[in-house]
């Protein structure tokens, strides 16, 4: 019995040495996954904030710099520093997805005005891990009809 205990004396240390790097890799992978999901939600919210600013009134729908700034401000409030955003406005006929000239008519009816904001962010991982890209480009687009 005593000789059996001597043979297993260092096995726990060897198991610990083998599984610790694997466990740390899994923890860092889970942290980066959580961070990229958070960044995706933050980019989506930034695009929505810009669109909400533009859709608030018809006067705001032409303020593309204001929509862009609203998206950038929202991203900064959520901890994203290097977000880029672009905004535009366009018109479409009711019940159609095709864009039309805003001065045109849709069967005698004025076309509806829309605003769109695209927010983009490059997410970088904490470190380089095998099988996981070190950067991910996130881009979200939000559209809303002007009130």
Protein backbone atom coordinates (compact mmCIF):
# COMPACT_ATOMS: atom_id res chain seq x y z
CA UNK A 1 0.00 0.00 0.00
CA UNK A 2 2.81 2.39 0.84
CA UNK A 3 4.55 1.75 -2.51
CA UNK A 4 1.32 2.58 -4.37
CA UNK A 5 1.16 6.00 -2.69
CA UNK A 6 4.77 6.77 -3.65
CA UNK A 7 4.02 6.09 -7.34
CA UNK A 8 1.13 8.64 -7.38
CA UNK A 9 2.87 11.33 -5.34
CA UNK A 10 3.46 13.85 -8.19
CA UNK A 11 0.45 13.06 -10.40
CA UNK A 12 -1.68 15.93 -9.11
CA UNK A 13 1.07 18.42 -9.88
CA UNK A 14 1.48 17.02 -13.41
CA UNK A 15 -2.28 17.17 -14.03
CA UNK A 16 -2.35 20.76 -12.76
CA UNK A 17 0.53 21.72 -15.04
CA UNK A 18 -1.20 20.16 -18.07
CA UNK A 19 -4.71 21.54 -17.53
CA UNK A 20 -3.93 25.06 -16.27
CA UNK A 21 -2.94 26.46 -19.70
CA UNK A 22 -6.03 24.87 -21.24
CA UNK A 23 -8.23 26.35 -18.54
CA UNK A 24 -6.66 29.81 -18.99
CA UNK A 25 -7.15 29.59 -22.77
CA UNK A 26 -10.81 28.79 -22.25
CA UNK A 27 -11.21 31.70 -19.80
CA UNK A 28 -9.59 34.19 -22.18
CA UNK A 29 -11.69 32.86 -25.03
CA UNK A 30 -14.86 33.32 -22.98
CA UNK A 31 -13.80 36.86 -22.03
CA UNK A 32 -13.14 37.83 -25.65
CA UNK A 33 -16.42 36.27 -26.76
CA UNK A 34 -18.25 38.32 -24.12
CA UNK A 35 -16.41 41.47 -25.19
CA UNK A 36 -17.22 41.00 -28.89
CA UNK A 37 -20.91 40.42 -28.09
CA UNK A 38 -20.94 43.59 -25.96
CA UNK A 39 -19.21 45.55 -28.75
CA UNK A 40 -21.80 44.29 -31.25
CA UNK A 41 -24.65 45.46 -29.03
CA UNK A 42 -22.92 48.82 -28.47
CA UNK A 43 -22.43 49.34 -32.23
CA UNK A 44 -26.11 48.51 -32.82
CA UNK A 45 -27.17 50.96 -30.12
CA UNK A 46 -24.96 53.68 -31.58
CA UNK A 47 -26.55 53.26 -35.02
CA UNK A 48 -30.01 53.39 -33.43
CA UNK A 49 -29.15 56.54 -31.48
CA UNK A 50 -28.12 58.29 -34.68
CA UNK A 51 -31.29 57.20 -36.46
CA UNK A 52 -33.47 58.29 -33.56
CA UNK A 53 -31.94 61.75 -33.70
CA UNK A 54 -32.56 62.00 -37.44
CA UNK A 55 -36.10 60.65 -37.32
CA UNK A 56 -37.19 62.92 -34.46
CA UNK A 57 -38.30 65.78 -36.72
CA UNK A 58 -38.20 66.51 -40.45
CA UNK A 59 -35.63 69.23 -39.67
CA UNK A 60 -33.27 66.69 -38.14
CA UNK A 61 -33.55 64.33 -41.12
CA UNK A 62 -31.26 66.54 -43.19
CA UNK A 63 -28.72 66.94 -40.38
CA UNK A 64 -26.42 64.06 -41.30
CA UNK A 65 -23.59 65.46 -39.21
CA UNK A 66 -25.91 65.59 -36.19
CA UNK A 67 -26.95 61.96 -36.75
CA UNK A 68 -23.31 60.93 -37.05
CA UNK A 69 -22.41 62.85 -33.89
CA UNK A 70 -25.31 61.25 -31.99
CA UNK A 71 -24.00 57.81 -32.97
CA UNK A 72 -20.44 58.70 -31.96
CA UNK A 73 -21.59 60.15 -28.62
CA UNK A 74 -23.61 57.06 -27.84
CA UNK A 75 -20.65 54.81 -28.65
CA UNK A 76 -18.36 56.90 -26.44
CA UNK A 77 -20.86 56.57 -23.57
CA UNK A 78 -20.66 52.78 -23.99
CA UNK A 79 -16.86 52.67 -24.03
CA UNK A 80 -16.17 52.37 -27.78
CA UNK A 81 -13.57 54.94 -28.72
CA UNK A 82 -12.82 54.29 -32.41
CA UNK A 83 -16.29 53.91 -33.88
CA UNK A 84 -16.95 55.38 -37.31
CA UNK A 85 -20.42 56.37 -38.45
CA UNK A 86 -22.07 57.67 -41.59
CA UNK A 87 -25.60 58.94 -42.11
CA UNK A 88 -27.89 59.61 -45.04
CA UNK A 89 -31.51 60.38 -45.78
CA UNK A 90 -33.65 59.07 -48.61
CA UNK A 91 -37.26 58.73 -49.73
CA UNK A 92 -39.38 55.70 -50.63
CA UNK A 93 -42.95 55.07 -51.65
CA UNK A 94 -45.25 53.48 -49.09
CA UNK A 95 -45.19 49.69 -49.37
CA UNK A 96 -42.00 49.65 -51.44
CA UNK A 97 -38.34 49.21 -50.60
CA UNK A 98 -37.09 51.01 -53.71
CA UNK A 99 -35.66 54.49 -53.22
CA UNK A 100 -37.20 57.36 -55.15
CA UNK A 101 -36.41 61.03 -55.64
CA UNK A 102 -37.84 63.00 -52.72
CA UNK A 103 -39.43 65.52 -55.10
CA UNK A 104 -41.27 62.77 -57.04
CA UNK A 105 -44.74 61.49 -56.24
CA UNK A 106 -45.91 57.97 -55.56
CA UNK A 107 -49.28 57.71 -57.28
CA UNK A 108 -50.09 61.31 -56.35
CA UNK A 109 -48.79 60.92 -52.79
CA UNK A 110 -45.61 62.42 -51.42
CA UNK A 111 -42.99 59.74 -50.71
CA UNK A 112 -42.05 58.94 -47.11
CA UNK A 113 -38.74 60.21 -45.78
CA UNK A 114 -36.25 57.85 -44.13
CA UNK A 115 -32.91 58.21 -42.37
CA UNK A 116 -30.18 55.60 -42.18
CA UNK A 117 -27.04 55.42 -40.03
CA UNK A 118 -24.24 52.91 -40.51
CA UNK A 119 -21.87 52.39 -37.57
CA UNK A 120 -18.60 50.44 -37.90
CA UNK A 121 -16.07 49.32 -35.30
CA UNK A 122 -13.01 47.08 -35.36
CA UNK A 123 -12.86 44.82 -32.31
CA UNK A 124 -9.43 43.60 -31.18
CA UNK A 125 -8.95 40.58 -28.93
CA UNK A 126 -6.93 40.68 -25.72
CA UNK A 127 -4.24 38.48 -27.24
CA UNK A 128 -3.55 36.18 -30.14
CA UNK A 129 -5.06 32.76 -29.60
CA UNK A 130 -4.96 29.84 -32.01
CA UNK A 131 -8.07 29.48 -34.12
CA UNK A 132 -9.49 32.88 -33.09
CA UNK A 133 -9.07 35.96 -35.30
CA UNK A 134 -7.27 38.84 -33.56
CA UNK A 135 -9.64 41.47 -34.97
CA UNK A 136 -13.26 41.44 -36.07
CA UNK A 137 -14.96 44.15 -38.14
CA UNK A 138 -18.41 44.95 -36.77
CA UNK A 139 -20.86 46.99 -38.81
CA UNK A 140 -24.50 47.72 -38.08
CA UNK A 141 -27.07 49.68 -40.07
CA UNK A 142 -30.27 51.20 -38.72
CA UNK A 143 -33.09 52.84 -40.70
CA UNK A 144 -36.19 54.66 -39.54
CA UNK A 145 -38.99 56.65 -41.12
CA UNK A 146 -38.97 60.36 -40.34
CA UNK A 147 -41.91 61.47 -38.19
